[in-house]
Amino acid sequence: MIDFDEFGPEKILNVYDPKSGTRGVVVIDSTALGPGKGGIRMTPSVNTGEVAKLARTMTWKNALAGLPFGGAKSGIIADDKKISGKKK
């Protein structure tokens, strides 16, 4: 479950690529200090709740470091050990 509060998340996007069969999620937690900055987590068990928590962590990490960025994170639901480098 995702907790919404005055900080965010601002936007949650669930994405699907039918050609590769890959699913993913993008969470933009906050853009109050600038564009959302985060990264990508690729595991077969990643879910929207986990990505939302990681995006919130990036919001606070960037703010506390004095960086002009908000927080965001994305997740790709795939087993990176079982797919080829070309498919990645």
C-alpha atoms as a PDB file:
ATOM      1  CA  MET A   1       0.000   0.000   0.000  1.00  0.00           C
ATOM      2  CA  ILE A   2       1.227   3.478  -0.842  1.00  0.00           C
ATOM      3  CA  ASP A   3       0.927   6.302   1.664  1.00  0.00           C
ATOM      4  CA  PHE A   4       0.022   9.639   0.107  1.00  0.00           C
ATOM      5  CA  ASP A   5       0.829  12.809   2.056  1.00  0.00           C
ATOM      6  CA  GLU A   6       1.675  16.453   1.422  1.00  0.00           C
ATOM      7  CA  PHE A   7       5.046  15.458  -0.076  1.00  0.00           C
ATOM      8  CA  GLY A   8       3.782  12.936  -2.603  1.00  0.00           C
ATOM      9  CA  PRO A   9       3.904  10.814  -4.550  1.00  0.00           C
ATOM     10  CA  GLU A  10       2.989  13.212  -7.316  1.00  0.00           C
ATOM     11  CA  LYS A  11       2.656  10.632 -10.069  1.00  0.00           C
ATOM     12  CA  ILE A  12       2.667   6.854 -10.450  1.00  0.00           C
ATOM     13  CA  LEU A  13       2.952   5.294 -13.899  1.00  0.00           C
ATOM     14  CA  ASN A  14       2.569   1.599 -14.582  1.00  0.00           C
ATOM     15  CA  VAL A  15       4.107   0.728 -17.936  1.00  0.00           C
ATOM     16  CA  TYR A  16       3.992  -2.327 -20.178  1.00  0.00           C
ATOM     17  CA  ASP A  17       5.905  -3.081 -23.375  1.00  0.00           C
ATOM     18  CA  PRO A  18       3.957  -5.721 -25.317  1.00  0.00           C
ATOM     19  CA  LYS A  19       6.846  -6.406 -27.708  1.00  0.00           C
ATOM     20  CA  SER A  20       9.180  -7.612 -24.939  1.00  0.00           C
ATOM     21  CA  GLY A  21       6.492  -8.482 -22.373  1.00  0.00           C
ATOM     22  CA  THR A  22       8.236  -6.287 -19.816  1.00  0.00           C
ATOM     23  CA  ARG A  23       6.352  -4.475 -17.064  1.00  0.00           C
ATOM     24  CA  GLY A  24       7.542  -1.623 -14.903  1.00  0.00           C
ATOM     25  CA  VAL A  25       6.575   1.242 -12.656  1.00  0.00           C
ATOM     26  CA  VAL A  26       7.738   4.859 -12.346  1.00  0.00           C
ATOM     27  CA  VAL A  27       7.077   6.868  -9.191  1.00  0.00           C
ATOM     28  CA  ILE A  28       7.702  10.605  -9.069  1.00  0.00           C
ATOM     29  CA  ASP A  29       7.568  11.424  -5.382  1.00  0.00           C
ATOM     30  CA  SER A  30       8.295  15.164  -5.354  1.00  0.00           C
ATOM     31  CA  THR A  31       9.459  17.841  -7.747  1.00  0.00           C
ATOM     32  CA  ALA A  32       9.330  20.664  -5.189  1.00  0.00           C
ATOM     33  CA  LEU A  33      13.115  21.206  -5.359  1.00  0.00           C
ATOM     34  CA  GLY A  34      13.569  20.304  -9.032  1.00  0.00           C
ATOM     35  CA  PRO A  35      13.111  17.398 -11.423  1.00  0.00           C
ATOM     36  CA  GLY A  36      12.798  13.943  -9.877  1.00  0.00           C
ATOM     37  CA  LYS A  37      16.117  12.119  -9.563  1.00  0.00           C
ATOM     38  CA  GLY A  38      16.461   8.473  -8.668  1.00  0.00           C
ATOM     39  CA  GLY A  39      17.409   5.321 -10.454  1.00  0.00           C
ATOM     40  CA  ILE A  40      16.156   1.980 -11.691  1.00  0.00           C
ATOM     41  CA  ARG A  41      15.699  -1.244  -9.764  1.00  0.00           C
ATOM     42  CA  MET A  42      15.376  -4.413 -11.853  1.00  0.00           C
ATOM     43  CA  THR A  43      14.195  -7.518 -10.006  1.00  0.00           C
ATOM     44  CA  PRO A  44      11.395 -10.030 -10.548  1.00  0.00           C
ATOM     45  CA  SER A  45       9.816  -9.072  -7.218  1.00  0.00           C
ATOM     46  CA  VAL A  46       9.815  -5.256  -7.425  1.00  0.00           C
ATOM     47  CA  ASN A  47       6.395  -3.694  -6.855  1.00  0.00           C
ATOM     48  CA  THR A  48       4.774  -0.275  -6.773  1.00  0.00           C
ATOM     49  CA  GLY A  49       4.947   0.018  -2.982  1.00  0.00           C
ATOM     50  CA  GLU A  50       8.676  -0.707  -2.900  1.00  0.00           C
ATOM     51  CA  VAL A  51       9.386   1.780  -5.704  1.00  0.00           C
ATOM     52  CA  ALA A  52       7.300   4.434  -3.920  1.00  0.00           C
ATOM     53  CA  LYS A  53       9.332   3.991  -0.729  1.00  0.00           C
ATOM     54  CA  LEU A  54      12.589   4.230  -2.674  1.00  0.00           C
ATOM     55  CA  ALA A  55      11.356   7.389  -4.432  1.00  0.00           C
ATOM     56  CA  ARG A  56      10.543   8.948  -1.031  1.00  0.00           C
ATOM     57  CA  THR A  57      14.046   8.082   0.146  1.00  0.00           C
ATOM     58  CA  MET A  58      15.464   9.890  -2.896  1.00  0.00           C
ATOM     59  CA  THR A  59      13.311  12.949  -2.099  1.00  0.00           C
ATOM     60  CA  TRP A  60      14.829  13.243   1.380  1.00  0.00           C
ATOM     61  CA  LYS A  61      18.337  12.240   0.274  1.00  0.00           C
ATOM     62  CA  ASN A  62      18.475  14.978  -2.382  1.00  0.00           C
ATOM     63  CA  ALA A  63      16.941  17.577  -0.055  1.00  0.00           C
ATOM     64  CA  LEU A  64      19.320  16.811   2.817  1.00  0.00           C
ATOM     65  CA  ALA A  65      22.310  16.879   0.462  1.00  0.00           C
ATOM     66  CA  GLY A  66      21.243  20.325  -0.776  1.00  0.00           C
ATOM     67  CA  LEU A  67      20.832  19.132  -4.368  1.00  0.00           C
ATOM     68  CA  PRO A  68      18.388  20.876  -6.703  1.00  0.00           C
ATOM     69  CA  PHE A  69      16.416  17.687  -7.375  1.00  0.00           C
ATOM     70  CA  GLY A  70      13.257  16.022  -6.193  1.00  0.00           C
ATOM     71  CA  GLY A  71      12.803  12.318  -5.690  1.00  0.00           C
ATOM     72  CA  ALA A  72      11.797   9.628  -8.150  1.00  0.00           C
ATOM     73  CA  LYS A  73      12.485   5.967  -8.805  1.00  0.00           C
ATOM     74  CA  SER A  74      11.562   3.327 -11.354  1.00  0.00           C
ATOM     75  CA  GLY A  75      11.376  -0.427 -11.266  1.00  0.00           C
ATOM     76  CA  ILE A  76      11.498  -3.031 -14.012  1.00  0.00           C
ATOM     77  CA  ILE A  77       9.869  -6.358 -13.223  1.00  0.00           C
ATOM     78  CA  ALA A  78      12.383  -8.757 -14.733  1.00  0.00           C
ATOM     79  CA  ASP A  79      15.056 -11.218 -13.672  1.00  0.00           C
ATOM     80  CA  ASP A  80      18.273  -9.576 -14.823  1.00  0.00           C
ATOM     81  CA  LYS A  81      20.161 -12.861 -14.387  1.00  0.00           C
ATOM     82  CA  LYS A  82      17.924 -14.684 -16.869  1.00  0.00           C
ATOM     83  CA  ILE A  83      17.672 -12.139 -19.685  1.00  0.00           C
ATOM     84  CA  SER A  84      20.315 -11.394 -22.263  1.00  0.00           C
ATOM     85  CA  GLY A  85      22.345  -8.212 -22.340  1.00  0.00           C
ATOM     86  CA  LYS A  86      20.763  -7.346 -25.685  1.00  0.00           C
ATOM     87  CA  LYS A  87      17.259  -7.589 -24.249  1.00  0.00           C
ATOM     88  CA  LYS A  88      18.264  -5.422 -21.255  1.00  0.00           C
END
